[in-house]
Amino acid sequence: MRVLIVHNQLWAHYKSKLFSDIFKVFKKQEPGSQFLVAQIGLYEASRAVMQNDEKVTYDYPYQLLFNKSLDQITKAERRAALFQVFKEFKPDVLNVTGWGDMAQVELMFYAKWKGVKVVISSESSAQDHARSSWKEAFKSFIINRGNAFFCFGKTSADYLENLGINPGKIPVRNAAVVDDQIIRENYVQAKTELKNANTARNELRRFVYVGRLAPEKNLEMLVQAFAEIQKAGNAVSIWELLLVGDGPARSSLEILTKKLGVEAQVTFAGGFPWYEVPRWLAQSDVLVLPSKSEPWGLVVNEAMVCGMPVIVSNKCGCAPDLVSNAENGFTFDPTAQTELEQAMLFFVKNPEKIAAMGAVSLEKIKPFSSGKVAEEMVKTYKILAKA
């Protein structure tokens, strides 16, 4: 069996972890098989600040097609390089990463013509952005050429079914994974260090947001909600808000905290590599992701791997899969600030429930374990290769 995966960017740690785990399964279960990931470029234009600092490395066979960012690679270049690696590798199964790149779509049709089975990985959902009927019809025509589909979660699987895909062709519905092992290890280490330090700050409790400080993340509402619950009493004085990340909205948010009189309770930690984020989660109690729109929200996975309750906008793709109201957190309408305030006040008034709800998070995130998902993917590849 020969499996070729096409992926957009080399510097994406959560996908590298998954590819590494897939390679481990191949070596264990199918030692005679060949597996290759064709990485088109180094990073997406919006993530040009990303670097491979080599603090965490992954072991899987890959071929980097262009040593530059994706926005610098033309469609003609992508097409030529993809067809070349396909013809050289001669796969039995081709796994493309979606339908937004016409070079990959053309490769998919060529593969079907050559009798190669095609898997389409999808992160899209119906709520990502406005849809037009003719584009949806064209998209339906394209994706119905696929033999199987891997989805991030329920919202992306539902979207595929709405486009006419048979549910039986979606064997993997939980492909939104993170490096759960390293995240958990770093979190536990940081938590132990904090406990041993036994400082006065350990008595404080914190809501934490992790991600870009950008308008679409709805952080202005988060700061306003935090300021509002400060007026409610109920031991709110021991609660702080921690914002981990950087971006274009930072200065306006800093101004807003001063205007609302909560600058002493809101900390702007700055941006950090993903493997350092658990150290900030260890200093926190409840994750809040208030985005106006989010295809998934992998930081929710990270917080749940650390055993934390979560408050998540219902516009985040992960909400239906990962959040059960009043069990491991709450969802809310990102246009309704009072809903966010009520969710935050629940934890302020019931701090004794944080640990138990965090334990539920740990259970709910288990199906999204990278190793488990890798086994499900390899099982699909094997079935298709033998068909």
Protein backbone atom coordinates (compact mmCIF):
# COMPACT_ATOMS: atom_id res chain seq x y z
CA MET A 1 0.00 0.00 0.00
CA ARG A 2 1.27 3.43 -0.96
CA VAL A 3 -0.40 6.51 0.56
CA LEU A 4 0.30 10.10 -0.49
CA ILE A 5 -1.03 13.01 1.57
CA VAL A 6 -0.99 16.54 0.15
CA HIS A 7 -0.77 19.25 2.81
CA ASN A 8 -0.45 23.02 2.47
CA GLN A 9 2.17 24.03 5.02
CA LEU A 10 5.12 22.39 6.72
CA TRP A 11 4.98 24.56 9.84
CA ALA A 12 1.73 23.30 11.37
CA HIS A 13 2.58 21.40 14.52
CA TYR A 14 -0.83 19.83 15.09
CA LYS A 15 -0.81 18.27 11.61
CA SER A 16 2.83 17.22 12.00
CA LYS A 17 1.86 15.37 15.18
CA LEU A 18 -0.93 13.58 13.31
CA PHE A 19 1.34 12.67 10.39
CA SER A 20 3.90 11.36 12.86
CA ASP A 21 1.29 9.18 14.54
CA ILE A 22 0.05 7.91 11.15
CA PHE A 23 3.64 6.95 10.30
CA LYS A 24 3.93 5.06 13.62
CA VAL A 25 0.77 3.09 12.83
CA PHE A 26 2.11 2.26 9.36
CA LYS A 27 5.39 0.99 10.77
CA LYS A 28 3.56 -1.16 13.32
CA GLN A 29 0.66 -2.49 11.25
CA GLU A 30 1.83 -2.20 7.63
CA PRO A 31 5.65 -2.30 7.67
CA GLY A 32 5.83 -2.97 3.93
CA SER A 33 3.74 0.07 3.02
CA GLN A 34 5.00 3.45 1.82
CA PHE A 35 3.76 6.75 3.24
CA LEU A 36 4.64 10.28 2.12
CA VAL A 37 3.38 13.78 2.91
CA ALA A 38 3.85 16.33 0.12
CA GLN A 39 4.16 19.70 1.91
CA ILE A 40 3.46 22.45 -0.63
CA GLY A 41 5.10 25.39 1.19
CA LEU A 42 6.48 26.54 4.52
CA TYR A 43 3.49 28.48 5.86
CA GLU A 44 0.35 30.39 4.95
CA ALA A 45 0.63 34.13 4.30
CA SER A 46 -1.39 34.95 7.44
CA ARG A 47 1.09 32.93 9.49
CA ALA A 48 4.31 34.32 8.07
CA VAL A 49 5.64 34.95 11.59
CA MET A 50 5.69 31.22 12.25
CA GLN A 51 9.08 29.65 12.59
CA ASN A 52 10.38 26.13 12.99
CA ASP A 53 12.41 26.61 16.15
CA GLU A 54 13.06 22.84 16.35
CA LYS A 55 12.14 22.70 20.06
CA VAL A 56 9.67 19.95 19.14
CA THR A 57 10.39 17.67 16.18
CA TYR A 58 8.26 15.05 14.46
CA ASP A 59 9.25 11.93 12.58
CA TYR A 60 7.44 11.21 9.32
CA PRO A 61 8.52 11.10 5.65
CA TYR A 62 7.73 14.31 3.78
CA GLN A 63 8.81 16.20 0.69
CA LEU A 64 8.80 20.01 0.75
CA LEU A 65 7.79 21.15 -2.73
CA PHE A 66 8.67 24.86 -2.30
CA ASN A 67 10.94 26.43 0.29
CA LYS A 68 8.78 29.57 0.58
CA SER A 69 5.35 30.73 1.73
CA LEU A 70 2.17 29.58 0.00
CA ASP A 71 1.28 33.07 -1.26
CA GLN A 72 4.53 33.08 -3.27
CA ILE A 73 3.63 29.86 -5.12
CA THR A 74 1.53 30.18 -8.27
CA LYS A 75 -1.18 27.71 -9.20
CA ALA A 76 0.88 26.59 -12.20
CA GLU A 77 3.86 25.90 -9.94
CA ARG A 78 1.73 23.98 -7.44
CA ARG A 79 0.08 21.97 -10.18
CA ALA A 80 3.38 20.97 -11.83
CA ALA A 81 5.00 20.02 -8.52
CA LEU A 82 1.99 18.03 -7.29
CA PHE A 83 1.66 16.06 -10.52
CA GLN A 84 5.38 15.33 -10.47
CA VAL A 85 5.41 13.96 -6.92
CA PHE A 86 2.24 11.96 -7.68
CA LYS A 87 3.78 10.34 -10.77
CA GLU A 88 7.05 9.62 -8.96
CA PHE A 89 5.45 8.16 -5.83
CA LYS A 90 2.67 6.20 -7.62
CA PRO A 91 0.19 6.08 -4.72
CA ASP A 92 -2.69 3.66 -4.26
CA VAL A 93 -4.48 6.23 -2.09
CA LEU A 94 -4.31 10.02 -2.43
CA ASN A 95 -5.40 12.22 0.51
CA VAL A 96 -5.95 15.88 -0.44
CA THR A 97 -6.65 18.62 2.09
CA GLY A 98 -9.75 20.17 0.55
CA TRP A 99 -11.25 21.75 -2.52
CA GLY A 100 -10.09 25.36 -2.22
CA ASP A 101 -6.87 24.73 -4.15
CA MET A 102 -7.69 24.01 -7.79
CA ALA A 103 -4.25 22.44 -8.29
CA GLN A 104 -5.23 19.78 -5.75
CA VAL A 105 -8.66 19.42 -7.38
CA GLU A 106 -7.04 18.79 -10.76
CA LEU A 107 -4.72 16.24 -9.15
CA MET A 108 -7.71 14.55 -7.54
CA PHE A 109 -9.49 14.17 -10.90
CA TYR A 110 -6.29 12.86 -12.49
CA ALA A 111 -5.88 10.34 -9.65
CA LYS A 112 -9.45 9.12 -10.12
CA TRP A 113 -8.79 8.70 -13.83
CA LYS A 114 -5.72 6.59 -13.00
CA GLY A 115 -7.77 4.38 -10.67
CA VAL A 116 -6.32 5.79 -7.44
CA LYS A 117 -8.66 6.06 -4.44
CA VAL A 118 -9.14 9.63 -3.14
CA VAL A 119 -9.65 10.80 0.44
CA ILE A 120 -10.67 14.41 1.04
CA SER A 121 -9.89 16.04 4.40
CA SER A 122 -12.31 18.82 5.28
CA GLU A 123 -12.33 21.48 7.98
CA SER A 124 -15.09 23.61 6.42
CA SER A 125 -18.56 24.10 7.88
CA ALA A 126 -21.72 25.83 6.71
CA GLN A 127 -21.13 28.78 9.03
CA ASP A 128 -17.58 29.61 7.91
CA HIS A 129 -18.82 32.37 5.58
CA ALA A 130 -21.68 33.28 3.25
CA ARG A 131 -22.41 30.63 0.60
CA SER A 132 -23.69 31.06 -2.94
CA SER A 133 -25.87 28.39 -4.55
CA TRP A 134 -23.82 27.99 -7.73
CA LYS A 135 -20.58 27.66 -5.80
CA GLU A 136 -22.13 25.08 -3.52
CA ALA A 137 -23.37 23.11 -6.55
CA PHE A 138 -19.89 23.18 -8.10
CA LYS A 139 -18.34 22.18 -4.78
CA SER A 140 -20.81 19.29 -4.48
CA PHE A 141 -19.78 18.08 -7.94
CA ILE A 142 -16.11 18.16 -6.96
CA ILE A 143 -16.29 16.48 -3.58
CA ASN A 144 -18.62 13.74 -4.73
CA ARG A 145 -15.62 12.38 -6.64
CA GLY A 146 -14.06 11.45 -3.29
CA ASN A 147 -14.06 7.86 -2.02
CA ALA A 148 -13.85 8.79 1.68
CA PHE A 149 -13.70 11.87 3.89
CA PHE A 150 -11.95 12.92 7.08
CA CYS A 151 -13.66 15.73 9.02
CA PHE A 152 -12.67 17.96 11.93
CA GLY A 153 -15.94 17.36 13.76
CA LYS A 154 -19.73 17.37 13.60
CA THR A 155 -20.08 20.74 11.86
CA SER A 156 -17.77 19.80 9.00
CA ALA A 157 -19.37 16.35 8.66
CA ASP A 158 -22.85 17.90 8.58
CA TYR A 159 -21.69 20.29 5.87
CA LEU A 160 -20.44 17.44 3.70
CA GLU A 161 -23.71 15.57 4.15
CA ASN A 162 -25.59 18.70 3.10
CA LEU A 163 -23.48 18.69 -0.07
CA GLY A 164 -24.68 15.17 -0.85
CA ILE A 165 -22.02 12.97 0.73
CA ASN A 166 -23.23 9.63 2.07
CA PRO A 167 -22.62 9.53 5.85
CA GLY A 168 -21.04 6.10 5.41
CA LYS A 169 -18.23 7.71 3.42
CA ILE A 170 -17.13 9.77 6.45
CA PRO A 171 -15.28 7.22 8.63
CA VAL A 172 -13.28 9.85 10.55
CA ARG A 173 -15.28 12.65 12.14
CA ASN A 174 -12.84 13.77 14.83
CA ALA A 175 -9.69 14.80 12.96
CA ALA A 176 -9.26 18.08 14.90
CA VAL A 177 -6.24 17.03 16.93
CA VAL A 178 -3.41 18.67 18.85
CA ASP A 179 -0.21 17.31 20.36
CA ASP A 180 -2.07 16.13 23.43
CA GLN A 181 0.96 14.38 24.93
CA ILE A 182 3.33 17.36 24.98
CA ILE A 183 0.57 19.78 25.98
CA ARG A 184 -0.47 17.63 28.93
CA GLU A 185 3.13 17.00 30.03
CA ASN A 186 4.03 20.70 29.94
CA TYR A 187 0.83 21.60 31.78
CA VAL A 188 1.42 19.09 34.58
CA GLN A 189 5.03 20.23 34.97
CA ALA A 190 4.00 23.89 35.18
CA LYS A 191 1.18 23.09 37.61
CA THR A 192 3.60 21.22 39.88
CA GLU A 193 6.08 24.10 39.83
CA LEU A 194 3.33 26.56 40.76
CA LYS A 195 2.16 24.37 43.61
CA ASN A 196 5.68 24.01 44.96
CA ALA A 197 6.25 27.77 44.72
CA ASN A 198 3.19 28.34 46.95
CA THR A 199 3.01 32.06 46.17
CA ALA A 200 0.18 34.42 47.03
CA ARG A 201 -0.77 34.54 43.33
CA ASN A 202 -1.84 30.91 43.59
CA GLU A 203 -4.89 32.15 45.49
CA LEU A 204 -6.07 34.07 42.43
CA ARG A 205 -8.36 32.60 39.78
CA ARG A 206 -8.22 33.43 36.09
CA PHE A 207 -10.24 33.31 32.93
CA VAL A 208 -7.85 32.86 30.01
CA TYR A 209 -8.04 33.51 26.28
CA VAL A 210 -5.37 32.15 23.93
CA GLY A 211 -5.06 33.26 20.30
CA ARG A 212 -4.64 36.26 18.03
CA LEU A 213 -5.75 39.62 19.37
CA ALA A 214 -7.90 40.50 16.37
CA PRO A 215 -11.41 41.98 15.86
CA GLU A 216 -12.98 38.69 14.72
CA LYS A 217 -12.02 37.10 18.04
CA ASN A 218 -14.62 39.28 19.82
CA LEU A 219 -12.23 40.23 22.62
CA GLU A 220 -13.81 43.65 23.15
CA MET A 221 -16.96 41.85 24.34
CA LEU A 222 -14.87 39.57 26.56
CA VAL A 223 -13.20 42.54 28.27
CA GLN A 224 -16.54 44.31 28.65
CA ALA A 225 -18.15 41.18 30.11
CA PHE A 226 -15.28 40.79 32.55
CA ALA A 227 -15.61 44.41 33.61
CA GLU A 228 -19.36 43.98 34.08
CA ILE A 229 -19.08 40.94 36.34
CA GLN A 230 -16.62 42.88 38.50
CA LYS A 231 -19.64 44.88 39.64
CA ALA A 232 -21.49 41.78 40.77
CA GLY A 233 -19.56 41.04 43.97
CA ASN A 234 -19.56 37.29 44.75
CA ALA A 235 -15.76 37.08 45.22
CA VAL A 236 -15.11 38.46 41.73
CA SER A 237 -12.22 40.42 43.22
CA ILE A 238 -10.01 37.31 43.20
CA TRP A 239 -10.62 36.75 39.47
CA GLU A 240 -8.40 38.06 36.69
CA LEU A 241 -8.48 37.92 32.91
CA LEU A 242 -5.39 36.67 31.09
CA LEU A 243 -4.98 37.29 27.35
CA VAL A 244 -2.25 35.14 25.78
CA GLY A 245 -1.38 36.18 22.24
CA ASP A 246 -0.70 39.24 20.16
CA GLY A 247 -2.20 41.01 17.19
CA PRO A 248 -3.59 44.21 15.71
CA ALA A 249 -6.27 44.72 18.40
CA ARG A 250 -3.89 44.77 21.36
CA SER A 251 -3.52 48.54 21.72
CA SER A 252 -7.27 49.19 21.46
CA LEU A 253 -7.95 46.47 24.03
CA GLU A 254 -5.40 47.96 26.41
CA ILE A 255 -7.13 51.32 26.06
CA LEU A 256 -10.50 49.66 26.72
CA THR A 257 -9.30 48.04 29.96
CA LYS A 258 -8.21 51.45 31.24
CA LYS A 259 -11.50 53.04 30.19
CA LEU A 260 -13.43 50.35 32.07
CA GLY A 261 -11.15 50.53 35.10
CA VAL A 262 -10.00 46.90 34.97
CA GLU A 263 -6.44 47.35 33.72
CA ALA A 264 -5.09 45.96 37.01
CA GLN A 265 -7.13 42.77 36.60
CA VAL A 266 -6.36 42.16 32.89
CA THR A 267 -2.95 40.84 31.85
CA PHE A 268 -1.63 40.95 28.30
CA ALA A 269 0.92 38.15 28.29
CA GLY A 270 2.01 38.48 24.64
CA GLY A 271 2.51 35.75 22.06
CA PHE A 272 4.21 32.42 22.73
CA PRO A 273 4.93 29.23 20.78
CA TRP A 274 2.25 26.56 21.17
CA TYR A 275 4.30 24.34 23.49
CA GLU A 276 4.65 27.20 26.02
CA VAL A 277 0.89 27.89 26.14
CA PRO A 278 0.29 25.09 28.72
CA ARG A 279 2.36 27.06 31.23
CA TRP A 280 -0.18 29.87 30.97
CA LEU A 281 -3.09 27.46 31.13
CA ALA A 282 -1.59 26.09 34.34
CA GLN A 283 -1.97 29.57 35.85
CA SER A 284 -5.63 29.71 34.82
CA ASP A 285 -8.95 28.06 35.63
CA VAL A 286 -11.38 28.50 32.75
CA LEU A 287 -10.71 29.02 29.03
CA VAL A 288 -12.88 31.50 27.12
CA LEU A 289 -13.06 31.51 23.31
CA PRO A 290 -15.53 34.28 22.30
CA SER A 291 -14.92 34.33 18.52
CA LYS A 292 -17.51 35.73 16.13
CA SER A 293 -16.54 32.92 13.76
CA GLU A 294 -14.05 30.07 14.06
CA PRO A 295 -13.76 26.99 11.78
CA TRP A 296 -12.82 24.94 14.83
CA GLY A 297 -10.80 26.42 17.72
CA LEU A 298 -7.95 24.05 18.57
CA VAL A 299 -7.14 25.98 21.75
CA VAL A 300 -10.31 24.42 23.20
CA ASN A 301 -8.75 20.98 22.60
CA GLU A 302 -5.59 22.17 24.34
CA ALA A 303 -7.47 23.45 27.39
CA MET A 304 -9.54 20.29 27.66
CA VAL A 305 -6.42 18.12 27.42
CA CYS A 306 -5.27 20.09 30.48
CA GLY A 307 -8.51 19.27 32.30
CA MET A 308 -10.06 22.73 32.14
CA PRO A 309 -13.70 23.83 31.78
CA VAL A 310 -14.38 25.97 28.71
CA ILE A 311 -16.69 28.80 27.67
CA VAL A 312 -17.02 28.78 23.89
CA SER A 313 -18.90 30.86 21.33
CA ASN A 314 -21.52 28.83 19.50
CA LYS A 315 -19.99 30.11 16.25
CA CYS A 316 -16.88 28.00 16.86
CA GLY A 317 -16.86 24.73 14.95
CA CYS A 318 -15.74 22.75 17.99
CA ALA A 319 -18.71 23.72 20.18
CA PRO A 320 -21.12 20.88 19.21
CA ASP A 321 -18.45 18.21 19.69
CA LEU A 322 -16.57 19.45 22.73
CA VAL A 323 -18.88 21.54 24.93
CA SER A 324 -21.81 20.20 26.94
CA ASN A 325 -23.59 22.99 28.76
CA ALA A 326 -23.29 22.81 32.56
CA GLU A 327 -21.19 19.63 32.24
CA ASN A 328 -17.76 20.80 31.10
CA GLY A 329 -18.55 24.44 30.33
CA PHE A 330 -20.97 26.60 28.41
CA THR A 331 -21.66 27.84 24.90
CA PHE A 332 -23.03 31.31 24.22
CA ASP A 333 -24.18 33.60 21.44
CA PRO A 334 -21.21 35.90 20.60
CA THR A 335 -23.63 38.75 19.97
CA ALA A 336 -25.18 38.44 23.45
CA GLN A 337 -22.83 39.78 26.10
CA THR A 338 -25.21 38.86 28.93
CA GLU A 339 -24.91 35.17 28.00
CA LEU A 340 -21.13 35.39 28.29
CA GLU A 341 -21.44 37.20 31.63
CA GLN A 342 -23.76 34.50 32.98
CA ALA A 343 -21.32 31.75 31.97
CA MET A 344 -18.41 33.55 33.62
CA LEU A 345 -20.41 34.28 36.76
CA PHE A 346 -21.27 30.59 37.09
CA PHE A 347 -17.61 29.80 37.75
CA VAL A 348 -17.18 32.85 39.98
CA LYS A 349 -20.10 31.73 42.14
CA ASN A 350 -19.29 28.00 41.96
CA PRO A 351 -15.50 27.64 42.03
CA GLU A 352 -15.83 24.24 43.67
CA LYS A 353 -17.26 22.87 40.39
CA ILE A 354 -14.23 23.81 38.28
CA ALA A 355 -12.26 20.62 38.95
CA ALA A 356 -15.21 18.28 38.32
CA MET A 357 -16.15 20.04 35.08
CA GLY A 358 -12.50 19.92 34.01
CA ALA A 359 -12.56 16.16 34.56
CA VAL A 360 -15.51 15.94 32.16
CA SER A 361 -13.42 17.86 29.61
CA LEU A 362 -10.70 15.24 29.90
CA GLU A 363 -13.20 12.50 29.06
CA LYS A 364 -14.85 14.37 26.20
CA ILE A 365 -11.54 15.10 24.47
CA LYS A 366 -10.38 11.45 24.40
CA PRO A 367 -11.93 10.63 20.99
CA PHE A 368 -9.81 13.47 19.56
CA SER A 369 -6.55 11.85 20.66
CA SER A 370 -4.02 12.11 17.83
CA GLY A 371 -2.98 8.47 18.16
CA LYS A 372 -6.59 7.22 18.05
CA VAL A 373 -7.43 9.35 15.01
CA ALA A 374 -4.27 8.18 13.22
CA GLU A 375 -5.35 4.55 13.66
CA GLU A 376 -8.79 5.34 12.22
CA MET A 377 -7.21 7.04 9.21
CA VAL A 378 -4.83 4.17 8.47
CA LYS A 379 -7.75 1.74 8.73
CA THR A 380 -9.54 3.76 6.04
CA TYR A 381 -6.46 3.83 3.80
CA LYS A 382 -6.18 0.02 4.09
CA ILE A 383 -9.83 -0.55 3.19
CA LEU A 384 -9.59 1.75 0.15
CA ALA A 385 -6.31 0.25 -1.07
CA LYS A 386 -7.81 -3.24 -1.02
CA ALA A 387 -11.11 -2.22 -2.67
